[in-house]
């Protein structure tokens, strides 16, 4: 099934390709690493609780797990929407550092597509989808499951799943642009990082597009702009003010360029603790969008 090995889930480790693929699916569906881990763990526990005769009737345990986890994500998305509508300020997904969702492919084009599908910006835009649209889109467009299989995972017809994925595709479509290469991204992110670390407002503004938009998620604990900040000069002044305040409150800050949701972004630490993460949208050598996450509960490492 879709290139996924059939392995006994009871022996699945968190480092295995099967677990990472399940977690990557759930995270794209939910936008929350904590909830994604819970959804996958729920699926594994349900497998372990199955009587031996029932397990023996399942030809592909991984396919069974995909179905169980997808249905769990559908349930969680309904309640998540209610919570996020009442969220203070701008809601952004939990950032994930490093590469926990490797696809196992060496194809550069495929790797780029997978990175795009898990970016903070994409996950935020996916919030406009209905739960069914989001699940069907992730399963079909990101992980290439046929609609006939998605129908069994979501308790809907193949035609309904096709329609849901198509509607999601239409809602997510934006102006087509040239994909930014890894080298281009690394150069822009490095310039952005150096300008931030040096506190140079003119240098930072020069890295930003004239119409750059910055949004921030501080949750209930951290004061952050509740509305988007627009324009190179305003965004540069705003970001440096945020860094200055953080440095006064927390001491010396380390600003580094690291993998954030599969692509190079910005991570800010105070004495080794992550206090801010920024995902950058880039076009034509300039930063066009910034998603800044400073809510402490979203920066807590998870195991």
Protein backbone atom coordinates (compact mmCIF):
# COMPACT_ATOMS: atom_id res chain seq x y z
CA UNK A 1 0.00 0.00 0.00
CA UNK A 2 1.53 3.27 -1.19
CA UNK A 3 5.04 2.00 -0.50
CA UNK A 4 4.43 1.68 3.27
CA UNK A 5 5.97 -1.49 4.75
CA UNK A 6 3.68 -3.82 6.67
CA UNK A 7 5.37 -3.98 10.08
CA UNK A 8 4.06 -5.11 13.45
CA UNK A 9 3.01 -1.84 15.15
CA UNK A 10 3.74 -3.35 18.56
CA UNK A 11 7.45 -3.29 17.64
CA UNK A 12 7.39 0.17 16.04
CA UNK A 13 9.97 2.63 17.38
CA UNK A 14 9.71 6.42 17.19
CA UNK A 15 12.75 6.39 14.90
CA UNK A 16 11.17 4.00 12.38
CA UNK A 17 10.05 5.15 8.93
CA UNK A 18 6.55 3.86 9.66
CA UNK A 19 6.18 5.94 12.82
CA UNK A 20 7.62 9.06 11.20
CA UNK A 21 5.23 8.74 8.29
CA UNK A 22 2.22 8.36 10.60
CA UNK A 23 3.40 11.34 12.67
CA UNK A 24 3.98 13.43 9.54
CA UNK A 25 0.46 12.69 8.31
CA UNK A 26 -1.13 13.50 11.66
CA UNK A 27 0.91 16.69 12.11
CA UNK A 28 -0.11 17.99 8.68
CA UNK A 29 -3.74 17.21 9.51
CA UNK A 30 -3.70 18.80 12.97
CA UNK A 31 -0.97 21.49 12.98
CA UNK A 32 -0.05 20.42 16.51
CA UNK A 33 2.85 18.08 17.24
CA UNK A 34 1.48 17.23 20.69
CA UNK A 35 -1.92 16.28 19.26
CA UNK A 36 -0.31 14.39 16.37
CA UNK A 37 1.76 12.34 18.80
CA UNK A 38 -1.36 11.61 20.83
CA UNK A 39 -3.26 10.52 17.70
CA UNK A 40 -0.50 8.13 16.64
CA UNK A 41 -0.12 6.78 20.17
CA UNK A 42 -3.87 6.19 20.32
CA UNK A 43 -3.64 4.17 17.11
CA UNK A 44 -0.75 2.07 18.44
CA UNK A 45 -2.58 1.41 21.72
CA UNK A 46 -5.71 0.35 19.83
CA UNK A 47 -3.61 -2.12 17.85
CA UNK A 48 -2.08 -3.57 21.00
CA UNK A 49 -5.54 -3.99 22.55
CA UNK A 50 -6.84 -5.94 19.54
CA UNK A 51 -7.39 -9.65 20.26
CA UNK A 52 -4.91 -11.90 18.45
CA UNK A 53 -7.56 -13.34 16.07
CA UNK A 54 -8.53 -9.80 14.99
CA UNK A 55 -4.89 -8.89 14.32
CA UNK A 56 -4.43 -11.97 12.18
CA UNK A 57 -7.27 -10.82 9.93
CA UNK A 58 -5.43 -7.56 9.10
CA UNK A 59 -3.20 -8.00 6.05
CA UNK A 60 -1.39 -4.65 6.36
CA UNK A 61 -1.10 -3.28 9.91
CA UNK A 62 0.29 0.05 8.66
CA UNK A 63 -2.71 0.57 6.40
CA UNK A 64 -4.94 -0.17 9.39
CA UNK A 65 -3.03 2.38 11.47
CA UNK A 66 -3.32 5.06 8.77
CA UNK A 67 -7.07 4.54 8.80
CA UNK A 68 -7.34 4.68 12.61
CA UNK A 69 -5.08 7.73 12.95
CA UNK A 70 -6.89 9.58 10.13
CA UNK A 71 -10.25 9.03 11.80
CA UNK A 72 -8.82 10.21 15.10
CA UNK A 73 -7.51 13.35 13.42
CA UNK A 74 -10.97 14.01 11.95
CA UNK A 75 -12.41 13.89 15.48
CA UNK A 76 -9.69 16.13 16.91
CA UNK A 77 -10.01 18.72 14.12
CA UNK A 78 -13.63 19.39 15.04
CA UNK A 79 -12.79 20.35 18.63
CA UNK A 80 -9.57 22.10 17.58
CA UNK A 81 -11.49 24.51 15.37
CA UNK A 82 -13.62 25.62 18.32
CA UNK A 83 -10.53 26.18 20.51
CA UNK A 84 -8.66 28.09 17.81
CA UNK A 85 -11.59 30.40 17.13
CA UNK A 86 -11.37 31.46 20.79
CA UNK A 87 -7.56 31.66 20.74
CA UNK A 88 -6.10 35.01 21.86
CA UNK A 89 -4.64 36.74 18.83
CA UNK A 90 -3.15 35.00 15.81
CA UNK A 91 -3.05 31.18 15.88
CA UNK A 92 -0.02 29.47 14.30
CA UNK A 93 0.91 25.77 14.36
CA UNK A 94 3.51 24.34 16.69
CA UNK A 95 6.91 24.56 14.98
CA UNK A 96 9.02 21.43 14.63
CA UNK A 97 12.81 21.73 14.58
CA UNK A 98 15.00 19.31 12.66
CA UNK A 99 13.71 16.57 10.35
CA UNK A 100 11.27 14.31 12.23
CA UNK A 101 9.13 13.60 9.16
CA UNK A 102 11.66 12.35 6.59
CA UNK A 103 9.95 10.80 3.59
CA UNK A 104 12.71 8.29 2.94
CA UNK A 105 13.19 9.51 -0.62
CA UNK A 106 16.33 10.89 -2.23
CA UNK A 107 14.37 12.68 -4.97
CA UNK A 108 15.10 16.44 -4.51
CA UNK A 109 11.77 17.44 -6.09
CA UNK A 110 9.83 15.14 -3.78
CA UNK A 111 11.77 16.36 -0.76
CA UNK A 112 10.96 19.97 -1.69
CA UNK A 113 7.25 19.14 -2.06
CA UNK A 114 7.19 17.43 1.33
CA UNK A 115 8.94 20.40 2.95
CA UNK A 116 6.44 22.83 1.41
CA UNK A 117 3.51 20.75 2.67
CA UNK A 118 4.70 20.95 6.28
CA UNK A 119 5.78 24.61 6.36
CA UNK A 120 4.27 26.81 9.05
CA UNK A 121 2.75 29.01 6.35
CA UNK A 122 1.03 26.08 4.61
CA UNK A 123 -0.29 24.62 7.87
CA UNK A 124 -1.67 28.02 8.83
CA UNK A 125 -3.46 28.40 5.49
CA UNK A 126 -4.85 24.88 5.88
CA UNK A 127 -6.81 26.10 8.89
CA UNK A 128 -9.39 27.49 6.46
CA UNK A 129 -10.27 23.95 5.32
CA UNK A 130 -12.97 21.78 6.82
CA UNK A 131 -11.71 18.69 8.73
CA UNK A 132 -12.70 16.37 5.88
CA UNK A 133 -11.08 18.59 3.25
CA UNK A 134 -7.87 18.77 5.23
CA UNK A 135 -7.61 15.02 5.84
CA UNK A 136 -8.44 14.13 2.23
CA UNK A 137 -5.98 16.72 0.90
CA UNK A 138 -3.13 15.46 3.09
CA UNK A 139 -3.77 11.81 2.28
CA UNK A 140 -4.15 12.30 -1.47
CA UNK A 141 -2.06 15.33 -2.47
CA UNK A 142 0.78 14.90 0.02
CA UNK A 143 0.96 11.13 0.53
CA UNK A 144 -0.58 9.97 -2.78
CA UNK A 145 -3.22 7.63 -1.39
CA UNK A 146 -5.89 6.70 -3.97
CA UNK A 147 -9.37 8.05 -3.30
CA UNK A 148 -10.71 4.49 -2.98
CA UNK A 149 -8.41 3.91 0.01
CA UNK A 150 -9.13 7.33 1.51
CA UNK A 151 -12.85 6.49 1.35
CA UNK A 152 -12.26 3.54 3.68
CA UNK A 153 -10.18 5.67 6.03
CA UNK A 154 -12.78 8.43 6.35
CA UNK A 155 -16.05 6.48 6.01
CA UNK A 156 -16.97 8.42 2.88
CA UNK A 157 -17.34 7.57 -0.78
CA UNK A 158 -14.40 7.89 -3.14
CA UNK A 159 -16.32 10.58 -5.02
CA UNK A 160 -16.87 12.57 -1.82
CA UNK A 161 -13.16 12.30 -0.97
CA UNK A 162 -12.21 13.46 -4.45
CA UNK A 163 -14.54 16.44 -4.12
CA UNK A 164 -13.16 17.32 -0.67
CA UNK A 165 -9.54 17.21 -1.87
CA UNK A 166 -10.44 19.26 -4.95
CA UNK A 167 -12.13 21.91 -2.80
CA UNK A 168 -9.07 22.00 -0.53
CA UNK A 169 -6.79 22.41 -3.53
CA UNK A 170 -8.84 25.34 -4.77
CA UNK A 171 -8.86 27.00 -1.34
CA UNK A 172 -5.09 26.63 -0.98
CA UNK A 173 -4.13 27.72 -4.48
CA UNK A 174 -2.30 31.02 -4.73
CA UNK A 175 -0.24 32.83 -7.33
CA UNK A 176 2.20 30.43 -8.96
CA UNK A 177 5.79 31.37 -8.35
CA UNK A 178 9.24 29.93 -8.88
CA UNK A 179 10.27 27.55 -6.13
CA UNK A 180 13.07 28.98 -4.01
CA UNK A 181 16.15 26.73 -4.00
CA UNK A 182 17.78 25.60 -0.77
CA UNK A 183 20.82 27.77 -1.50
CA UNK A 184 18.69 30.86 -2.15
CA UNK A 185 16.72 30.29 1.03
CA UNK A 186 19.87 29.76 3.07
CA UNK A 187 21.37 33.03 1.80
CA UNK A 188 18.27 35.11 2.58
CA UNK A 189 17.77 33.50 5.99
CA UNK A 190 21.43 34.11 6.85
CA UNK A 191 21.13 37.79 5.90
CA UNK A 192 17.93 38.07 7.97
CA UNK A 193 19.60 36.37 10.94
CA UNK A 194 22.70 38.57 10.80
CA UNK A 195 20.60 41.74 10.62
CA UNK A 196 18.49 40.65 13.60
CA UNK A 197 21.50 39.58 15.65
CA UNK A 198 23.26 42.86 14.89
CA UNK A 199 20.22 45.01 15.66
CA UNK A 200 20.66 46.87 12.36
CA UNK A 201 17.25 48.19 11.28
CA UNK A 202 18.39 49.41 7.86
CA UNK A 203 20.12 46.13 7.09
CA UNK A 204 17.05 44.18 8.20
CA UNK A 205 14.65 46.33 6.19
CA UNK A 206 16.81 45.75 3.11
CA UNK A 207 16.18 41.99 3.39
CA UNK A 208 12.40 42.49 3.57
CA UNK A 209 10.04 42.94 0.62
CA UNK A 210 8.19 46.30 0.60
CA UNK A 211 4.88 44.56 1.31
CA UNK A 212 6.21 42.00 3.81
CA UNK A 213 3.63 40.76 6.35
CA UNK A 214 4.58 39.57 9.83
CA UNK A 215 2.18 37.64 12.09
CA UNK A 216 2.93 36.47 15.63
CA UNK A 217 1.53 33.89 18.04
CA UNK A 218 2.18 34.64 21.69
CA UNK A 219 -0.69 32.61 23.14
CA UNK A 220 -2.01 33.75 26.50
CA UNK A 221 1.38 34.12 28.19
CA UNK A 222 3.41 36.37 25.86
CA UNK A 223 2.41 39.79 24.60
CA UNK A 224 2.72 39.79 20.81
CA UNK A 225 1.11 41.78 18.02
CA UNK A 226 -2.48 40.57 17.71
CA UNK A 227 -2.75 41.90 14.14
CA UNK A 228 -0.41 41.55 11.14
CA UNK A 229 2.41 44.08 10.84
CA UNK A 230 2.89 45.21 7.23
CA UNK A 231 5.73 46.95 5.40
CA UNK A 232 9.53 46.58 5.47
CA UNK A 233 10.30 49.48 7.82
CA UNK A 234 7.47 48.72 10.24
CA UNK A 235 8.27 45.01 10.35
CA UNK A 236 12.00 45.64 10.85
CA UNK A 237 11.33 48.05 13.73
CA UNK A 238 8.80 45.65 15.25
CA UNK A 239 11.09 42.60 15.12
CA UNK A 240 14.07 44.41 16.60
CA UNK A 241 11.84 45.80 19.38
CA UNK A 242 10.68 42.24 20.15
CA UNK A 243 14.29 41.04 20.30
CA UNK A 244 15.33 43.99 22.45
CA UNK A 245 12.53 43.36 24.94
CA UNK A 246 13.35 39.65 25.06
CA UNK A 247 17.01 40.38 25.67
CA UNK A 248 16.20 42.74 28.55
CA UNK A 249 13.88 40.14 30.10
CA UNK A 250 15.89 36.98 29.44
CA UNK A 251 19.50 38.00 28.97
CA UNK A 252 21.76 37.24 26.01
CA UNK A 253 20.00 35.73 23.00
CA UNK A 254 21.37 33.35 20.38
CA UNK A 255 19.82 33.79 16.92
CA UNK A 256 20.52 30.89 14.56
CA UNK A 257 19.42 29.55 11.19
CA UNK A 258 18.03 26.01 11.57
CA UNK A 259 15.54 23.66 10.00
CA UNK A 260 12.01 24.71 10.96
CA UNK A 261 9.28 22.43 9.62
CA UNK A 262 11.54 21.02 6.96
CA UNK A 263 13.13 24.23 5.66
CA UNK A 264 15.65 26.75 6.95
CA UNK A 265 14.18 29.25 9.40
CA UNK A 266 15.15 31.24 12.48
CA UNK A 267 15.44 29.91 16.04
CA UNK A 268 16.08 32.18 19.03
CA UNK A 269 17.39 30.76 22.30
CA UNK A 270 18.05 32.18 25.75
CA UNK A 271 20.58 30.10 27.70
CA UNK A 272 19.83 27.06 25.56
CA UNK A 273 16.03 27.33 25.77
CA UNK A 274 14.05 28.05 22.61
CA UNK A 275 12.09 31.28 23.12
CA UNK A 276 11.08 32.10 19.54
CA UNK A 277 10.86 30.47 16.12
CA UNK A 278 10.29 32.26 12.82
CA UNK A 279 9.29 30.68 9.52
CA UNK A 280 10.06 32.88 6.51
CA UNK A 281 8.33 33.12 3.15
CA UNK A 282 10.82 34.13 0.46
CA UNK A 283 10.50 35.34 -3.13
CA UNK A 284 12.94 37.10 -5.46
CA UNK A 285 15.64 37.18 -2.81
CA UNK A 286 13.52 38.96 -0.17
CA UNK A 287 11.43 37.93 2.82
CA UNK A 288 7.75 38.34 1.94
CA UNK A 289 6.15 36.79 5.02
CA UNK A 290 7.13 36.03 8.61
CA UNK A 291 5.36 33.68 11.00
CA UNK A 292 6.75 34.31 14.51
CA UNK A 293 5.91 31.82 17.25
CA UNK A 294 6.70 32.86 20.83
CA UNK A 295 3.93 31.06 22.75
CA UNK A 296 5.87 29.02 25.36
CA UNK A 297 3.54 26.01 25.18
CA UNK A 298 4.30 25.67 21.47
CA UNK A 299 8.06 25.76 21.99
CA UNK A 300 8.22 23.00 24.59
CA UNK A 301 10.17 19.97 23.33
CA UNK A 302 8.16 16.79 22.97
CA UNK A 303 9.44 13.27 23.09
